[in-house]
Amino acid sequence: MNNDIKEVFNLINYSKKICIAGHKAPDGDCIGSVMALYCFLKDRNKDITVLLDGEIPFNFKSFVDEEIIAKDYHKEEFDLMFVLDCSDSGRLGEYEPALKHSKKTVVIDHHKTNCGFGDISIIDPEMSSTGELLYDVLKTYGSISKEIATYIYIAILTDTGKFSYSNVSSSTHRKVAELIDLGVDVAEVNNLVYNSKPANVVRAFIDCVNGIELYHDNKFVITAITKNILEKNHAKMSDVDGIVEFLREINEVEVSCVLKEWEDHTKVSLRSKNNVDVSVVSAKYGGGGHAKAAGFEIKDTIENTKKLLIEEFKEYWVK
């Protein structure tokens, strides 16, 4: 990895036009990592294009100048492209073609299902988040600013469930301590990320929770964020987040599932609490993720997808 990191900085030094891309429907780890790298490269006077397929959720808007995010892509050529927090190239969504128009690509990710699709792929599934891995990469180059530290903290905070998941190590905590020493205002960041839901988003959240269904002796819970719920509450899909983690808190539940209704497909979010590896199920349907958190998309309706998953997880508990 040390040789890879050295080569990454060589590429940065010799590249002028650089693209930074994250996965579609960006979450905190993706947004924090993309913005941290953007600030790092901006300080080095690079010509930067940021590609993100999907809206910035309301609780991250105060951290992001959305003017820096490209509105579209017309086969622009890049000297170097960074792909962050993407388990495979398809997760780039509508911006996947940019890979073909980049002279060199660097993938930085922590998903165990990532097989490495960049010219250089820095992948470590033992890391809590892409943000934590990116921090290790960037600090080998030199000092880290307070702004970059704040973005890295957001990435780690959100992808560890506020440091509660099994992917958190003692090393993670030591790095967070370093970020705090660099000036990160932990209370402010936590309030903006977790304590700033508008009333309409809360109502949409409640409607989704009210629709839960429990199966397999209450070990599997499932619900859906439908277009009707979003329209009723004047909410966006990107705003209604955290439901799948909330459902996992039910005592008997081993696996929680949230189905998100899009125009021509259903997005599936899976979370596990104990021994079920949801990444195995996700990979079966072309998705990816971790043992305790994974997801995929399927070109089918909410109802059909629900039936599929109820049957899929049956084998874990019904003998």
C-alpha atoms as a PDB file:
ATOM      1  CA  MET A   1       0.000   0.000   0.000  1.00  0.00           C
ATOM      2  CA  ASN A   2       2.861   2.398   0.735  1.00  0.00           C
ATOM      3  CA  ASN A   3       4.067   2.100  -2.852  1.00  0.00           C
ATOM      4  CA  ASP A   4       0.522   2.683  -4.100  1.00  0.00           C
ATOM      5  CA  ILE A   5       0.175   5.817  -1.975  1.00  0.00           C
ATOM      6  CA  LYS A   6       3.512   7.134  -3.242  1.00  0.00           C
ATOM      7  CA  GLU A   7       2.337   6.593  -6.818  1.00  0.00           C
ATOM      8  CA  VAL A   8      -0.971   8.349  -6.051  1.00  0.00           C
ATOM      9  CA  PHE A   9       0.887  11.483  -5.026  1.00  0.00           C
ATOM     10  CA  ASN A  10       3.099  11.245  -8.087  1.00  0.00           C
ATOM     11  CA  LEU A  11      -0.060  11.179 -10.198  1.00  0.00           C
ATOM     12  CA  ILE A  12      -1.471  14.175  -8.313  1.00  0.00           C
ATOM     13  CA  ASN A  13       1.709  16.159  -8.850  1.00  0.00           C
ATOM     14  CA  TYR A  14       1.700  15.528 -12.605  1.00  0.00           C
ATOM     15  CA  SER A  15      -2.055  15.944 -13.139  1.00  0.00           C
ATOM     16  CA  LYS A  16      -3.884  19.221 -13.734  1.00  0.00           C
ATOM     17  CA  LYS A  17      -7.480  18.188 -14.485  1.00  0.00           C
ATOM     18  CA  ILE A  18      -8.684  15.903 -11.714  1.00  0.00           C
ATOM     19  CA  CYS A  19     -12.108  14.362 -11.163  1.00  0.00           C
ATOM     20  CA  ILE A  20     -13.450  13.223  -7.782  1.00  0.00           C
ATOM     21  CA  ALA A  21     -16.480  10.920  -7.852  1.00  0.00           C
ATOM     22  CA  GLY A  22     -18.476   9.121  -5.196  1.00  0.00           C
ATOM     23  CA  HIS A  23     -21.333   6.645  -5.279  1.00  0.00           C
ATOM     24  CA  LYS A  24     -24.863   7.530  -6.302  1.00  0.00           C
ATOM     25  CA  ALA A  25     -27.265   8.568  -3.543  1.00  0.00           C
ATOM     26  CA  PRO A  26     -24.268   9.838  -1.546  1.00  0.00           C
ATOM     27  CA  ASP A  27     -24.184   9.284   2.216  1.00  0.00           C
ATOM     28  CA  GLY A  28     -22.024  10.791   4.942  1.00  0.00           C
ATOM     29  CA  ASP A  29     -18.935   8.692   4.281  1.00  0.00           C
ATOM     30  CA  CYS A  30     -19.095   9.419   0.557  1.00  0.00           C
ATOM     31  CA  ILE A  31     -19.746  13.158   0.998  1.00  0.00           C
ATOM     32  CA  GLY A  32     -17.158  13.581   3.752  1.00  0.00           C
ATOM     33  CA  SER A  33     -14.498  11.723   1.772  1.00  0.00           C
ATOM     34  CA  VAL A  34     -15.203  13.563  -1.484  1.00  0.00           C
ATOM     35  CA  MET A  35     -15.135  16.966   0.200  1.00  0.00           C
ATOM     36  CA  ALA A  36     -11.972  16.171   2.173  1.00  0.00           C
ATOM     37  CA  LEU A  37     -10.137  15.210  -1.019  1.00  0.00           C
ATOM     38  CA  TYR A  38     -11.590  18.231  -2.832  1.00  0.00           C
ATOM     39  CA  CYS A  39     -10.153  20.585  -0.184  1.00  0.00           C
ATOM     40  CA  PHE A  40      -6.815  18.783  -0.273  1.00  0.00           C
ATOM     41  CA  LEU A  41      -6.520  19.132  -4.064  1.00  0.00           C
ATOM     42  CA  LYS A  42      -7.916  22.665  -4.139  1.00  0.00           C
ATOM     43  CA  ASP A  43      -5.081  23.757  -1.848  1.00  0.00           C
ATOM     44  CA  ARG A  44      -2.719  22.433  -4.528  1.00  0.00           C
ATOM     45  CA  ASN A  45      -4.312  24.534  -7.301  1.00  0.00           C
ATOM     46  CA  LYS A  46      -5.775  21.646  -9.267  1.00  0.00           C
ATOM     47  CA  ASP A  47      -8.613  21.983 -11.772  1.00  0.00           C
ATOM     48  CA  ILE A  48     -11.224  19.829 -10.012  1.00  0.00           C
ATOM     49  CA  THR A  49     -14.529  18.366 -11.174  1.00  0.00           C
ATOM     50  CA  VAL A  50     -16.802  16.728  -8.580  1.00  0.00           C
ATOM     51  CA  LEU A  51     -19.315  14.138  -9.817  1.00  0.00           C
ATOM     52  CA  LEU A  52     -22.076  12.874  -7.514  1.00  0.00           C
ATOM     53  CA  ASP A  53     -25.188  11.169  -8.859  1.00  0.00           C
ATOM     54  CA  GLY A  54     -27.914  12.210  -6.445  1.00  0.00           C
ATOM     55  CA  GLU A  55     -28.917  15.003  -4.107  1.00  0.00           C
ATOM     56  CA  ILE A  56     -27.030  16.036  -1.008  1.00  0.00           C
ATOM     57  CA  PRO A  57     -29.225  15.106   2.000  1.00  0.00           C
ATOM     58  CA  PHE A  58     -30.485  18.048   4.074  1.00  0.00           C
ATOM     59  CA  ASN A  59     -28.257  17.258   7.068  1.00  0.00           C
ATOM     60  CA  PHE A  60     -25.066  17.609   5.005  1.00  0.00           C
ATOM     61  CA  LYS A  61     -26.001  20.708   3.013  1.00  0.00           C
ATOM     62  CA  SER A  62     -24.414  23.112   5.496  1.00  0.00           C
ATOM     63  CA  PHE A  63     -21.056  21.393   4.933  1.00  0.00           C
ATOM     64  CA  VAL A  64     -21.135  21.387   1.129  1.00  0.00           C
ATOM     65  CA  ASP A  65     -20.954  24.184  -1.432  1.00  0.00           C
ATOM     66  CA  GLU A  66     -23.180  22.533  -4.015  1.00  0.00           C
ATOM     67  CA  GLU A  67     -21.895  24.884  -6.700  1.00  0.00           C
ATOM     68  CA  ILE A  68     -18.728  22.795  -6.922  1.00  0.00           C
ATOM     69  CA  ILE A  69     -20.713  19.691  -7.924  1.00  0.00           C
ATOM     70  CA  ALA A  70     -21.041  19.277 -11.693  1.00  0.00           C
ATOM     71  CA  LYS A  71     -24.633  19.419 -12.957  1.00  0.00           C
ATOM     72  CA  ASP A  72     -23.901  17.100 -15.890  1.00  0.00           C
ATOM     73  CA  TYR A  73     -21.054  15.391 -17.715  1.00  0.00           C
ATOM     74  CA  HIS A  74     -20.271  15.624 -21.441  1.00  0.00           C
ATOM     75  CA  LYS A  75     -17.326  13.249 -21.905  1.00  0.00           C
ATOM     76  CA  GLU A  76     -14.855  15.693 -20.422  1.00  0.00           C
ATOM     77  CA  GLU A  77     -11.294  14.347 -20.325  1.00  0.00           C
ATOM     78  CA  PHE A  78      -9.392  14.068 -17.038  1.00  0.00           C
ATOM     79  CA  ASP A  79      -5.745  13.472 -16.252  1.00  0.00           C
ATOM     80  CA  LEU A  80      -6.724  11.652 -13.077  1.00  0.00           C
ATOM     81  CA  MET A  81      -9.962  10.381 -11.561  1.00  0.00           C
ATOM     82  CA  PHE A  82     -10.511   9.464  -7.916  1.00  0.00           C
ATOM     83  CA  VAL A  83     -13.401   7.104  -7.122  1.00  0.00           C
ATOM     84  CA  LEU A  84     -14.296   7.100  -3.435  1.00  0.00           C
ATOM     85  CA  ASP A  85     -16.500   4.754  -1.404  1.00  0.00           C
ATOM     86  CA  CYS A  86     -17.687   2.770  -4.471  1.00  0.00           C
ATOM     87  CA  SER A  87     -17.719  -1.011  -4.225  1.00  0.00           C
ATOM     88  CA  ASP A  88     -17.895  -1.280  -8.029  1.00  0.00           C
ATOM     89  CA  SER A  89     -17.936   1.053 -11.023  1.00  0.00           C
ATOM     90  CA  GLY A  90     -21.698   0.708 -11.433  1.00  0.00           C
ATOM     91  CA  ARG A  91     -22.164   2.558  -8.139  1.00  0.00           C
ATOM     92  CA  LEU A  92     -21.076   5.734  -9.943  1.00  0.00           C
ATOM     93  CA  GLY A  93     -24.499   5.776 -11.580  1.00  0.00           C
ATOM     94  CA  GLU A  94     -24.810   8.118 -14.530  1.00  0.00           C
ATOM     95  CA  TYR A  95     -21.167   9.154 -14.168  1.00  0.00           C
ATOM     96  CA  GLU A  96     -19.657   5.707 -14.750  1.00  0.00           C
ATOM     97  CA  PRO A  97     -18.641   6.698 -18.346  1.00  0.00           C
ATOM     98  CA  ALA A  98     -16.176   9.221 -16.879  1.00  0.00           C
ATOM     99  CA  LEU A  99     -13.866   6.294 -16.094  1.00  0.00           C
ATOM    100  CA  LYS A 100     -13.264   5.789 -19.823  1.00  0.00           C
ATOM    101  CA  HIS A 101     -12.298   9.428 -20.239  1.00  0.00           C
ATOM    102  CA  SER A 102      -9.689   9.485 -17.481  1.00  0.00           C
ATOM    103  CA  LYS A 103      -6.046   8.730 -18.192  1.00  0.00           C
ATOM    104  CA  LYS A 104      -5.547   7.232 -14.735  1.00  0.00           C
ATOM    105  CA  THR A 105      -7.980   6.141 -12.024  1.00  0.00           C
ATOM    106  CA  VAL A 106      -7.493   5.722  -8.288  1.00  0.00           C
ATOM    107  CA  VAL A 107     -10.059   3.815  -6.219  1.00  0.00           C
ATOM    108  CA  ILE A 108     -10.120   4.321  -2.446  1.00  0.00           C
ATOM    109  CA  ASP A 109     -12.664   2.190  -0.625  1.00  0.00           C
ATOM    110  CA  HIS A 110     -13.344  -0.038   2.388  1.00  0.00           C
ATOM    111  CA  HIS A 111     -15.999  -2.430   1.029  1.00  0.00           C
ATOM    112  CA  LYS A 112     -14.929  -6.067   1.090  1.00  0.00           C
ATOM    113  CA  THR A 113     -16.823  -6.723  -2.160  1.00  0.00           C
ATOM    114  CA  ASN A 114     -14.593  -4.274  -4.063  1.00  0.00           C
ATOM    115  CA  CYS A 115     -12.359  -6.252  -6.427  1.00  0.00           C
ATOM    116  CA  GLY A 116     -10.331  -3.184  -7.465  1.00  0.00           C
ATOM    117  CA  PHE A 117     -11.305  -1.521 -10.724  1.00  0.00           C
ATOM    118  CA  GLY A 118      -8.825   1.355 -10.756  1.00  0.00           C
ATOM    119  CA  ASP A 119      -5.311   1.637 -12.145  1.00  0.00           C
ATOM    120  CA  ILE A 120      -4.466   1.966  -8.466  1.00  0.00           C
ATOM    121  CA  SER A 121      -6.900   0.503  -5.936  1.00  0.00           C
ATOM    122  CA  ILE A 122      -6.382   1.221  -2.243  1.00  0.00           C
ATOM    123  CA  ILE A 123      -8.906  -1.001  -0.502  1.00  0.00           C
ATOM    124  CA  ASP A 124      -8.980  -2.002   3.152  1.00  0.00           C
ATOM    125  CA  PRO A 125     -12.125  -3.766   4.451  1.00  0.00           C
ATOM    126  CA  GLU A 126     -10.756  -3.535   7.991  1.00  0.00           C
ATOM    127  CA  MET A 127     -11.230   0.226   7.961  1.00  0.00           C
ATOM    128  CA  SER A 128     -14.379   1.657   9.544  1.00  0.00           C
ATOM    129  CA  SER A 129     -15.017   3.924   6.577  1.00  0.00           C
ATOM    130  CA  THR A 130     -13.539   5.274   3.392  1.00  0.00           C
ATOM    131  CA  GLY A 131     -12.957   8.478   5.339  1.00  0.00           C
ATOM    132  CA  GLU A 132     -10.666   6.719   7.806  1.00  0.00           C
ATOM    133  CA  LEU A 133      -8.699   5.143   4.966  1.00  0.00           C
ATOM    134  CA  LEU A 134      -8.465   8.453   3.119  1.00  0.00           C
ATOM    135  CA  TYR A 135      -7.146  10.093   6.288  1.00  0.00           C
ATOM    136  CA  ASP A 136      -4.293   7.588   6.384  1.00  0.00           C
ATOM    137  CA  VAL A 137      -3.545   8.348   2.733  1.00  0.00           C
ATOM    138  CA  LEU A 138      -3.635  12.144   3.035  1.00  0.00           C
ATOM    139  CA  LYS A 139      -1.631  12.480   6.233  1.00  0.00           C
ATOM    140  CA  THR A 140       1.321  10.687   4.635  1.00  0.00           C
ATOM    141  CA  TYR A 141       1.620  13.753   2.400  1.00  0.00           C
ATOM    142  CA  GLY A 142       1.761  16.324   5.175  1.00  0.00           C
ATOM    143  CA  SER A 143      -0.387  18.456   7.436  1.00  0.00           C
ATOM    144  CA  ILE A 144      -4.196  18.225   7.463  1.00  0.00           C
ATOM    145  CA  SER A 145      -6.296  21.391   7.768  1.00  0.00           C
ATOM    146  CA  LYS A 146      -9.197  21.807  10.196  1.00  0.00           C
ATOM    147  CA  GLU A 147     -11.610  21.822   7.229  1.00  0.00           C
ATOM    148  CA  ILE A 148     -10.300  18.516   5.900  1.00  0.00           C
ATOM    149  CA  ALA A 149     -10.323  17.053   9.428  1.00  0.00           C
ATOM    150  CA  THR A 150     -13.995  18.015   9.798  1.00  0.00           C
ATOM    151  CA  TYR A 151     -14.953  16.235   6.581  1.00  0.00           C
ATOM    152  CA  ILE A 152     -12.999  13.136   7.591  1.00  0.00           C
ATOM    153  CA  TYR A 153     -14.751  13.187  10.972  1.00  0.00           C
ATOM    154  CA  ILE A 154     -18.176  13.365   9.258  1.00  0.00           C
ATOM    155  CA  ALA A 155     -17.238  10.361   7.114  1.00  0.00           C
ATOM    156  CA  ILE A 156     -16.144   8.258  10.088  1.00  0.00           C
ATOM    157  CA  LEU A 157     -18.961   9.397  12.389  1.00  0.00           C
ATOM    158  CA  THR A 158     -21.738   8.483   9.971  1.00  0.00           C
ATOM    159  CA  ASP A 159     -20.346   5.191   8.667  1.00  0.00           C
ATOM    160  CA  THR A 160     -19.790   3.856  12.171  1.00  0.00           C
ATOM    161  CA  GLY A 161     -23.244   4.729  13.496  1.00  0.00           C
ATOM    162  CA  LYS A 162     -21.741   7.291  15.851  1.00  0.00           C
ATOM    163  CA  PHE A 163     -18.901   4.863  16.698  1.00  0.00           C
ATOM    164  CA  SER A 164     -21.283   2.045  17.691  1.00  0.00           C
ATOM    165  CA  TYR A 165     -20.651  -0.536  14.938  1.00  0.00           C
ATOM    166  CA  SER A 166     -18.270  -3.481  15.049  1.00  0.00           C
ATOM    167  CA  ASN A 167     -16.128  -1.842  12.340  1.00  0.00           C
ATOM    168  CA  VAL A 168     -14.781   0.601  14.948  1.00  0.00           C
ATOM    169  CA  SER A 169     -11.292  -0.201  16.208  1.00  0.00           C
ATOM    170  CA  SER A 170      -9.014   1.359  18.802  1.00  0.00           C
ATOM    171  CA  SER A 171      -7.117   2.804  15.836  1.00  0.00           C
ATOM    172  CA  THR A 172     -10.338   4.495  14.662  1.00  0.00           C
ATOM    173  CA  HIS A 173     -10.699   6.214  18.023  1.00  0.00           C
ATOM    174  CA  ARG A 174      -7.055   7.323  18.005  1.00  0.00           C
ATOM    175  CA  LYS A 175      -7.494   8.889  14.577  1.00  0.00           C
ATOM    176  CA  VAL A 176     -10.673  10.653  15.707  1.00  0.00           C
ATOM    177  CA  ALA A 177      -8.727  12.031  18.670  1.00  0.00           C
ATOM    178  CA  GLU A 178      -6.187  13.418  16.173  1.00  0.00           C
ATOM    179  CA  LEU A 179      -9.024  15.022  14.189  1.00  0.00           C
ATOM    180  CA  ILE A 180     -10.380  16.656  17.337  1.00  0.00           C
ATOM    181  CA  ASP A 181      -6.896  17.967  18.123  1.00  0.00           C
ATOM    182  CA  LEU A 182      -6.927  19.533  14.648  1.00  0.00           C
ATOM    183  CA  GLY A 183      -9.955  21.583  15.660  1.00  0.00           C
ATOM    184  CA  VAL A 184     -13.054  19.572  14.759  1.00  0.00           C
ATOM    185  CA  ASP A 185     -16.083  20.896  16.674  1.00  0.00           C
ATOM    186  CA  VAL A 186     -17.653  17.566  17.599  1.00  0.00           C
ATOM    187  CA  ALA A 187     -20.794  19.009  19.199  1.00  0.00           C
ATOM    188  CA  GLU A 188     -21.562  21.243  16.217  1.00  0.00           C
ATOM    189  CA  VAL A 189     -21.049  18.483  13.661  1.00  0.00           C
ATOM    190  CA  ASN A 190     -23.158  15.999  15.628  1.00  0.00           C
ATOM    191  CA  ASN A 191     -26.008  18.504  15.990  1.00  0.00           C
ATOM    192  CA  LEU A 192     -26.053  19.370  12.295  1.00  0.00           C
ATOM    193  CA  VAL A 193     -25.865  15.750  11.153  1.00  0.00           C
ATOM    194  CA  TYR A 194     -28.221  14.126  13.663  1.00  0.00           C
ATOM    195  CA  ASN A 195     -30.359  16.808  15.327  1.00  0.00           C
ATOM    196  CA  SER A 196     -31.614  18.906  12.429  1.00  0.00           C
ATOM    197  CA  LYS A 197     -34.532  16.996  10.873  1.00  0.00           C
ATOM    198  CA  PRO A 198     -37.288  19.268   9.486  1.00  0.00           C
ATOM    199  CA  ALA A 199     -40.825  18.422  10.656  1.00  0.00           C
ATOM    200  CA  ASN A 200     -41.882  17.091   7.230  1.00  0.00           C
ATOM    201  CA  VAL A 201     -38.948  14.673   7.172  1.00  0.00           C
ATOM    202  CA  VAL A 202     -39.857  13.428  10.664  1.00  0.00           C
ATOM    203  CA  ARG A 203     -43.436  12.820   9.518  1.00  0.00           C
ATOM    204  CA  ALA A 204     -42.192  10.827   6.524  1.00  0.00           C
ATOM    205  CA  PHE A 205     -39.909   8.852   8.857  1.00  0.00           C
ATOM    206  CA  ILE A 206     -42.864   8.060  11.141  1.00  0.00           C
ATOM    207  CA  ASP A 207     -45.034   6.948   8.209  1.00  0.00           C
ATOM    208  CA  CYS A 208     -42.317   4.536   7.107  1.00  0.00           C
ATOM    209  CA  VAL A 209     -41.898   3.122  10.617  1.00  0.00           C
ATOM    210  CA  ASN A 210     -45.665   2.734  10.958  1.00  0.00           C
ATOM    211  CA  GLY A 211     -45.574   0.469   7.908  1.00  0.00           C
ATOM    212  CA  ILE A 212     -43.203  -2.138   9.361  1.00  0.00           C
ATOM    213  CA  GLU A 213     -43.894  -5.842   8.944  1.00  0.00           C
ATOM    214  CA  LEU A 214     -42.214  -8.527  11.049  1.00  0.00           C
ATOM    215  CA  TYR A 215     -41.489 -12.047   9.815  1.00  0.00           C
ATOM    216  CA  HIS A 216     -39.708 -15.244  10.862  1.00  0.00           C
ATOM    217  CA  ASP A 217     -40.502 -15.013  14.576  1.00  0.00           C
ATOM    218  CA  ASN A 218     -39.812 -11.244  14.514  1.00  0.00           C
ATOM    219  CA  LYS A 219     -36.225 -11.742  13.409  1.00  0.00           C
ATOM    220  CA  PHE A 220     -36.751 -10.004  10.062  1.00  0.00           C
ATOM    221  CA  VAL A 221     -38.353  -6.565   9.791  1.00  0.00           C
ATOM    222  CA  ILE A 222     -39.174  -4.785   6.559  1.00  0.00           C
ATOM    223  CA  THR A 223     -40.776  -1.523   5.487  1.00  0.00           C
ATOM    224  CA  ALA A 224     -40.810   0.779   2.468  1.00  0.00           C
ATOM    225  CA  ILE A 225     -40.226   4.419   1.600  1.00  0.00           C
ATOM    226  CA  THR A 226     -42.762   4.864  -1.169  1.00  0.00           C
ATOM    227  CA  LYS A 227     -43.390   7.708  -3.577  1.00  0.00           C
ATOM    228  CA  ASN A 228     -46.741   8.262  -1.870  1.00  0.00           C
ATOM    229  CA  ILE A 229     -45.112   8.785   1.527  1.00  0.00           C
ATOM    230  CA  LEU A 230     -42.607  11.248   0.071  1.00  0.00           C
ATOM    231  CA  GLU A 231     -45.277  13.201  -1.840  1.00  0.00           C
ATOM    232  CA  LYS A 232     -47.614  13.302   1.156  1.00  0.00           C
ATOM    233  CA  ASN A 233     -44.899  14.803   3.352  1.00  0.00           C
ATOM    234  CA  HIS A 234     -43.168  16.938   0.680  1.00  0.00           C
ATOM    235  CA  ALA A 235     -39.942  15.069   1.369  1.00  0.00           C
ATOM    236  CA  LYS A 236     -37.131  13.751  -0.806  1.00  0.00           C
ATOM    237  CA  MET A 237     -35.747  10.222  -0.785  1.00  0.00           C
ATOM    238  CA  SER A 238     -32.297  11.537   0.143  1.00  0.00           C
ATOM    239  CA  ASP A 239     -33.750  13.171   3.269  1.00  0.00           C
ATOM    240  CA  VAL A 240     -35.452  10.133   4.789  1.00  0.00           C
ATOM    241  CA  ASP A 241     -32.446   8.287   6.140  1.00  0.00           C
ATOM    242  CA  GLY A 242     -31.627   6.184   9.174  1.00  0.00           C
ATOM    243  CA  ILE A 243     -34.807   4.091   9.179  1.00  0.00           C
ATOM    244  CA  VAL A 244     -33.038   0.808   8.521  1.00  0.00           C
ATOM    245  CA  GLU A 245     -30.712   1.437  11.495  1.00  0.00           C
ATOM    246  CA  PHE A 246     -33.673   2.452  13.674  1.00  0.00           C
ATOM    247  CA  LEU A 247     -35.505  -0.806  12.902  1.00  0.00           C
ATOM    248  CA  ARG A 248     -32.428  -2.818  13.791  1.00  0.00           C
ATOM    249  CA  GLU A 249     -32.849  -1.528  17.355  1.00  0.00           C
ATOM    250  CA  ILE A 250     -35.919  -3.754  17.862  1.00  0.00           C
ATOM    251  CA  ASN A 251     -34.888  -6.372  20.407  1.00  0.00           C
ATOM    252  CA  GLU A 252     -35.909  -9.523  18.499  1.00  0.00           C
ATOM    253  CA  VAL A 253     -34.776  -8.292  15.089  1.00  0.00           C
ATOM    254  CA  GLU A 254     -31.696  -9.871  13.508  1.00  0.00           C
ATOM    255  CA  VAL A 255     -32.012  -8.256  10.056  1.00  0.00           C
ATOM    256  CA  SER A 256     -33.743  -5.005   9.118  1.00  0.00           C
ATOM    257  CA  CYS A 257     -34.672  -4.047   5.580  1.00  0.00           C
ATOM    258  CA  VAL A 258     -35.905  -0.836   3.955  1.00  0.00           C
ATOM    259  CA  LEU A 259     -37.166  -0.771   0.381  1.00  0.00           C
ATOM    260  CA  LYS A 260     -36.931   2.528  -1.505  1.00  0.00           C
ATOM    261  CA  GLU A 261     -39.283   3.017  -4.424  1.00  0.00           C
ATOM    262  CA  TRP A 262     -37.812   4.619  -7.535  1.00  0.00           C
ATOM    263  CA  GLU A 263     -39.314   5.037 -10.993  1.00  0.00           C
ATOM    264  CA  ASP A 264     -38.123   1.797 -12.560  1.00  0.00           C
ATOM    265  CA  HIS A 265     -36.480  -0.083  -9.698  1.00  0.00           C
ATOM    266  CA  THR A 266     -36.400  -0.719  -5.971  1.00  0.00           C
ATOM    267  CA  LYS A 267     -33.368   0.023  -3.833  1.00  0.00           C
ATOM    268  CA  VAL A 268     -32.794  -2.352  -0.928  1.00  0.00           C
ATOM    269  CA  SER A 269     -30.972  -1.419   2.277  1.00  0.00           C
ATOM    270  CA  LEU A 270     -30.062  -4.244   4.667  1.00  0.00           C
ATOM    271  CA  ARG A 271     -28.681  -4.196   8.191  1.00  0.00           C
ATOM    272  CA  SER A 272     -27.693  -7.096  10.439  1.00  0.00           C
ATOM    273  CA  LYS A 273     -27.217  -7.173  14.168  1.00  0.00           C
ATOM    274  CA  ASN A 274     -25.543 -10.481  14.944  1.00  0.00           C
ATOM    275  CA  ASN A 275     -24.491 -13.407  12.763  1.00  0.00           C
ATOM    276  CA  VAL A 276     -26.254 -12.914   9.421  1.00  0.00           C
ATOM    277  CA  ASP A 277     -23.907 -11.599   6.715  1.00  0.00           C
ATOM    278  CA  VAL A 278     -26.201  -9.389   4.621  1.00  0.00           C
ATOM    279  CA  SER A 279     -23.429  -8.724   2.100  1.00  0.00           C
ATOM    280  CA  VAL A 280     -23.850 -12.317   0.897  1.00  0.00           C
ATOM    281  CA  VAL A 281     -27.499 -11.701   0.039  1.00  0.00           C
ATOM    282  CA  SER A 282     -26.665  -8.335  -1.469  1.00  0.00           C
ATOM    283  CA  ALA A 283     -23.938  -9.778  -3.697  1.00  0.00           C
ATOM    284  CA  LYS A 284     -26.370 -12.423  -4.939  1.00  0.00           C
ATOM    285  CA  TYR A 285     -28.393  -9.620  -6.531  1.00  0.00           C
ATOM    286  CA  GLY A 286     -25.467  -7.609  -7.853  1.00  0.00           C
ATOM    287  CA  GLY A 287     -24.989  -5.385  -4.822  1.00  0.00           C
ATOM    288  CA  GLY A 288     -22.277  -5.021  -2.221  1.00  0.00           C
ATOM    289  CA  GLY A 289     -21.407  -3.809   1.231  1.00  0.00           C
ATOM    290  CA  HIS A 290     -20.370  -5.235   4.571  1.00  0.00           C
ATOM    291  CA  ALA A 291     -21.463  -8.120   6.765  1.00  0.00           C
ATOM    292  CA  LYS A 292     -23.630  -5.822   8.897  1.00  0.00           C
ATOM    293  CA  ALA A 293     -24.619  -3.253   6.250  1.00  0.00           C
ATOM    294  CA  ALA A 294     -25.253  -3.883   2.560  1.00  0.00           C
ATOM    295  CA  GLY A 295     -27.605  -3.092  -0.273  1.00  0.00           C
ATOM    296  CA  PHE A 296     -28.566  -3.613  -3.891  1.00  0.00           C
ATOM    297  CA  GLU A 297     -30.987  -2.488  -6.572  1.00  0.00           C
ATOM    298  CA  ILE A 298     -33.507  -4.617  -8.415  1.00  0.00           C
ATOM    299  CA  LYS A 299     -35.703  -3.834 -11.388  1.00  0.00           C
ATOM    300  CA  ASP A 300     -38.964  -4.818  -9.755  1.00  0.00           C
ATOM    301  CA  THR A 301     -41.802  -3.410  -7.672  1.00  0.00           C
ATOM    302  CA  ILE A 302     -41.828  -2.845  -3.928  1.00  0.00           C
ATOM    303  CA  GLU A 303     -44.294  -5.688  -3.391  1.00  0.00           C
ATOM    304  CA  ASN A 304     -42.406  -8.237  -5.477  1.00  0.00           C
ATOM    305  CA  THR A 305     -39.104  -7.264  -3.866  1.00  0.00           C
ATOM    306  CA  LYS A 306     -40.628  -7.641  -0.419  1.00  0.00           C
ATOM    307  CA  LYS A 307     -41.853 -11.166  -1.220  1.00  0.00           C
ATOM    308  CA  LEU A 308     -38.439 -12.036  -2.619  1.00  0.00           C
ATOM    309  CA  LEU A 309     -36.607 -10.940   0.519  1.00  0.00           C
ATOM    310  CA  ILE A 310     -39.034 -12.552   2.937  1.00  0.00           C
ATOM    311  CA  GLU A 311     -38.345 -15.833   1.154  1.00  0.00           C
ATOM    312  CA  GLU A 312     -34.600 -15.120   0.831  1.00  0.00           C
ATOM    313  CA  PHE A 313     -34.084 -14.719   4.583  1.00  0.00           C
ATOM    314  CA  LYS A 314     -36.400 -17.588   5.479  1.00  0.00           C
ATOM    315  CA  GLU A 315     -33.522 -20.082   5.329  1.00  0.00           C
ATOM    316  CA  TYR A 316     -31.721 -18.345   8.188  1.00  0.00           C
ATOM    317  CA  TRP A 317     -34.429 -19.018  10.755  1.00  0.00           C
ATOM    318  CA  VAL A 318     -37.045 -21.418   9.386  1.00  0.00           C
ATOM    319  CA  LYS A 319     -35.851 -25.018   9.519  1.00  0.00           C
END
